[in-house]
Protein backbone atom coordinates (compact mmCIF):
# COMPACT_ATOMS: atom_id res chain seq x y z
CA MET A 1 101.71 86.87 76.07
CA HIS A 2 98.98 84.55 77.37
CA VAL A 3 96.72 85.57 80.27
CA VAL A 4 93.76 84.07 82.12
CA VAL A 5 90.93 86.53 82.87
CA THR A 6 89.01 85.52 86.02
CA ARG A 7 86.52 88.38 86.39
CA PRO A 8 82.76 87.90 85.96
CA ALA A 9 81.25 89.03 82.63
CA PRO A 10 84.75 89.03 81.10
CA GLY A 11 83.73 89.79 77.51
CA ALA A 12 84.75 93.45 77.27
CA THR A 13 87.93 92.88 79.27
CA ALA A 14 88.96 89.95 77.10
CA ALA A 15 88.27 91.98 73.94
CA ARG A 16 90.52 94.83 75.14
CA TRP A 17 93.36 92.42 75.89
CA ARG A 18 93.00 90.61 72.58
CA GLY A 19 93.07 94.00 70.88
CA ARG A 20 96.59 94.39 72.26
CA GLY A 21 97.69 91.12 70.72
CA VAL A 22 97.38 89.06 73.89
CA THR A 23 96.15 85.46 73.94
CA VAL A 24 93.26 85.32 76.42
CA THR A 25 91.73 82.35 78.19
CA VAL A 26 88.47 83.24 79.94
CA ALA A 27 87.81 81.56 83.29
CA PRO A 28 85.33 83.53 85.45
CA LEU A 29 85.52 82.52 89.10
CA LEU A 30 82.22 84.16 90.04
CA SER A 31 78.68 83.85 88.72
CA ILE A 32 76.67 87.06 89.12
CA VAL A 33 72.90 86.85 89.69
CA ALA A 34 70.59 89.87 89.99
CA ARG A 35 68.47 90.34 93.13
CA ALA A 36 65.18 92.17 93.48
CA TRP A 37 65.56 95.40 95.46
CA THR A 38 63.39 98.25 96.68
CA PRO A 39 64.42 101.90 96.30
CA PRO A 40 64.79 103.76 99.61
CA ALA A 41 62.01 106.00 100.82
CA GLY A 42 64.25 109.05 101.03
CA ALA A 43 65.95 110.66 98.05
CA PRO A 44 69.76 110.25 98.03
CA GLN A 45 72.04 113.03 96.80
CA ALA A 46 74.37 110.68 94.90
CA VAL A 47 74.80 107.04 93.94
CA ALA A 48 77.87 104.85 94.54
CA PHE A 49 78.95 101.66 92.82
CA THR A 50 81.89 99.56 94.00
CA SER A 51 81.61 97.17 91.06
CA ALA A 52 80.55 97.22 87.43
CA ASN A 53 78.38 94.23 88.34
CA GLY A 54 76.21 96.54 90.42
CA ILE A 55 75.54 98.72 87.39
CA ARG A 56 74.73 95.75 85.19
CA MET A 57 72.46 94.14 87.79
CA ALA A 58 70.66 97.17 89.25
CA GLY A 59 68.15 97.02 86.41
CA VAL A 60 65.41 99.50 85.64
CA GLY A 61 65.14 100.52 89.30
CA ALA A 62 68.37 102.48 88.97
CA GLU A 63 67.09 104.58 86.09
CA ALA A 64 65.30 106.93 88.48
CA TYR A 65 68.70 108.03 89.84
CA ARG A 66 70.52 108.74 86.57
CA HIS A 67 70.19 112.48 87.09
CA LEU A 68 72.37 112.19 90.21
CA PRO A 69 76.17 112.17 90.41
CA LEU A 70 77.51 108.62 90.25
CA PHE A 71 80.74 107.74 92.06
CA ALA A 72 82.50 104.74 90.48
CA VAL A 73 85.20 102.83 92.34
CA GLY A 74 87.38 102.32 89.26
CA ASP A 75 87.66 102.72 85.51
CA ALA A 76 85.80 99.50 84.63
CA THR A 77 82.88 100.60 86.81
CA ALA A 78 82.97 104.08 85.29
CA ARG A 79 82.90 102.66 81.76
CA ALA A 80 79.94 100.44 82.64
CA ALA A 81 78.11 103.45 84.09
CA THR A 82 78.69 105.53 80.97
CA ALA A 83 77.56 102.67 78.74
CA ALA A 84 74.40 102.34 80.84
CA GLY A 85 73.47 105.98 80.28
CA TRP A 86 74.81 107.76 83.37
CA THR A 87 76.22 111.18 82.49
CA ASP A 88 77.74 112.60 85.71
CA VAL A 89 80.26 109.83 86.46
CA ARG A 90 82.94 110.70 89.03
CA ASP A 91 86.20 109.06 90.12
CA GLY A 92 85.90 107.07 93.32
CA GLY A 93 89.62 106.67 93.93
CA GLY A 94 90.05 102.93 93.45
CA THR A 95 88.86 101.54 96.79
CA ALA A 96 85.61 101.54 98.77
CA VAL A 97 87.21 103.69 101.48
CA ALA A 98 88.40 106.25 98.91
CA LEU A 99 85.03 106.19 97.15
CA PHE A 100 82.99 107.12 100.21
CA ALA A 101 85.62 109.70 101.20
CA ALA A 102 85.22 111.25 97.73
CA VAL A 103 81.44 111.39 98.12
CA ALA A 104 81.80 113.19 101.47
CA ALA A 105 84.52 115.51 100.13
CA ALA A 106 82.13 116.57 97.34
CA GLY A 107 79.75 117.83 100.03
CA PHE A 108 77.11 115.10 99.88
CA THR A 109 75.60 113.78 103.10
CA THR A 110 73.52 110.86 101.75
CA VAL A 111 74.50 108.31 99.09
CA LEU A 112 72.77 105.22 97.75
CA HIS A 113 75.19 102.30 97.42
CA LEU A 114 73.97 99.67 94.95
CA GLY A 115 76.21 96.68 95.54
CA GLY A 116 76.52 92.96 96.10
CA VAL A 117 75.60 90.71 98.98
CA GLU A 118 79.36 90.20 99.55
CA ARG A 119 80.93 93.63 100.07
CA VAL A 120 84.26 94.88 101.32
CA ALA A 121 83.86 96.66 104.65
CA ALA A 122 84.75 100.33 104.40
CA VAL A 123 85.22 103.16 106.87
CA ILE A 124 82.44 105.71 106.28
CA PRO A 125 83.10 109.41 106.94
CA PRO A 126 81.03 110.63 109.91
CA THR A 127 79.27 113.25 107.78
CA LEU A 128 77.98 110.67 105.29
CA THR A 129 74.94 108.38 105.50
CA VAL A 130 75.19 105.35 103.21
CA VAL A 131 71.96 103.59 102.25
CA VAL A 132 72.74 100.11 100.92
CA ARG A 133 70.69 98.05 98.51
CA GLU A 134 71.93 94.59 97.51
CA VAL A 135 71.28 94.28 93.78
CA TYR A 136 73.26 91.12 93.03
CA ALA A 137 74.79 88.01 94.55
CA ALA A 138 78.07 86.41 93.48
CA THR A 139 78.59 82.63 93.64
CA LEU A 140 82.08 81.14 93.45
CA LEU A 141 82.84 78.87 90.49
CA ASP A 142 85.37 76.07 90.12
CA LEU A 143 88.44 76.56 87.96
CA PRO A 144 87.76 74.84 84.59
CA SER A 145 89.82 71.70 84.05
CA HIS A 146 91.27 72.91 80.74
CA VAL A 147 92.54 76.05 82.45
CA ALA A 148 94.07 73.97 85.24
CA THR A 149 95.91 71.97 82.59
CA LEU A 150 97.31 75.13 81.02
CA LEU A 151 98.47 76.43 84.39
CA ASP A 152 99.99 73.14 85.47
CA GLY A 153 101.99 73.07 82.26
CA GLY A 154 103.30 76.58 82.84
CA ARG A 155 101.79 77.79 79.58
CA VAL A 156 100.23 80.99 80.96
CA ASP A 157 102.16 84.20 81.61
CA ALA A 158 99.73 85.65 84.15
CA VAL A 159 96.42 84.96 85.85
CA LEU A 160 94.52 88.23 86.34
CA LEU A 161 92.90 88.53 89.78
CA TYR A 162 90.45 91.31 90.52
CA SER A 163 89.19 90.92 94.10
CA PRO A 164 90.39 89.47 97.41
CA ARG A 165 87.53 86.97 97.40
CA THR A 166 88.34 85.55 93.97
CA ALA A 167 92.08 85.62 94.71
CA ALA A 168 91.64 83.50 97.83
CA HIS A 169 89.31 81.17 95.94
CA PHE A 170 91.76 80.83 93.04
CA ALA A 171 94.56 79.91 95.43
CA ALA A 172 92.36 77.31 97.11
CA GLN A 173 91.39 75.85 93.73
CA ILE A 174 95.04 75.58 92.63
CA ASP A 175 95.92 73.79 95.86
CA ALA A 176 92.88 71.51 95.67
CA VAL A 177 93.77 70.17 92.22
CA GLY A 178 97.42 69.72 93.16
CA ILE A 179 99.02 72.36 90.93
CA ASP A 180 102.38 73.64 92.13
CA ARG A 181 102.03 77.38 92.75
CA GLY A 182 105.54 77.70 91.40
CA HIS A 183 104.11 77.02 87.93
CA VAL A 184 101.71 79.98 88.11
CA ALA A 185 102.21 83.75 88.02
CA ILE A 186 99.51 86.18 89.13
CA ALA A 187 98.78 89.83 88.37
CA ALA A 188 96.64 91.47 91.05
CA LEU A 189 94.50 94.59 90.79
CA SER A 190 95.59 95.80 94.25
CA PRO A 191 97.86 94.87 97.16
CA ALA A 192 94.83 93.48 99.03
CA VAL A 193 94.11 91.14 96.12
CA ALA A 194 97.72 89.95 96.04
CA ALA A 195 97.72 89.39 99.81
CA ALA A 196 94.55 87.30 99.59
CA ALA A 197 96.21 85.00 97.04
CA GLY A 198 99.02 84.17 99.46
CA SER A 199 102.58 83.21 98.58
CA GLY A 200 104.53 80.61 96.63
CA TRP A 201 103.68 81.78 93.09
CA ARG A 202 106.14 81.77 90.20
CA GLY A 203 105.71 85.52 90.08
CA VAL A 204 103.48 88.22 91.54
CA ALA A 205 102.85 91.66 90.05
CA VAL A 206 100.52 94.29 91.47
CA ALA A 207 98.89 97.07 89.47
CA VAL A 208 100.14 100.47 90.65
CA THR A 209 96.58 101.77 90.36
CA PRO A 210 93.39 99.68 90.36
CA ASP A 211 92.57 99.89 86.65
CA ASP A 212 92.94 97.80 83.50
CA ALA A 213 95.86 99.81 82.11
CA ALA A 214 97.94 99.31 85.24
CA LEU A 215 96.97 95.65 85.42
CA PHE A 216 98.05 95.22 81.79
CA ALA A 217 101.44 96.73 82.67
CA ALA A 218 101.77 94.45 85.69
CA ALA A 219 100.92 91.35 83.64
CA GLY A 220 103.31 92.51 80.94
CA SER A 221 106.15 92.62 83.46
CA LEU A 222 105.44 88.98 84.33
CA GLY A 223 105.50 88.02 80.66
CA LEU A 224 108.82 89.81 80.21
CA ARG A 225 110.34 88.09 83.24
CA ARG A 226 109.22 84.71 81.90
CA ALA A 227 110.68 85.42 78.46
CA MET A 228 114.01 86.36 79.99
CA ALA A 229 114.13 83.36 82.34
């Protein structure tokens, strides 16, 4: 199976896929740049991250909060938190809405959200105050020409899409360079990601849960369909 990984900082993800015998082409569609930020005056009761990028880009300023519970939106974010030295890492449920609901359900009334300039809007429980600090910015990148050639030739089983923003951008890039969507299959981390990519693809598979294992299964189903075609 051959997949294209589009997430920023794709090294660890690509290594996991290659460890399963998959051919991986890396094509990040976002460039992540850290931003200076100032800790809030008040002390939060917990910290929330809706992306592993937030953990990587928060820098030394986040170290003061490592004694607090950390709510991670998904497994990639949780792994990044553990690798960065956080010890009380909790499941955020896979979406921003579920994450903040989990924080409130745990009894916390204030949480520090360290995230990006571009963030998915989420409904906040009325009992919870969310203090936001923007610790990184994400700039869209063009699809590399060699990857476009692979896709146009139908030589990729699945393109892995991780966010609605990158999914919409990927679709626009495919259309801009004149590739027939019917030559391309996509595996999306969530229904929202798949919806942002639009229609017309050779195949679409959606992870049943927003994590790498489920995305691997979704991509595998596309590879199987292609082999049987």
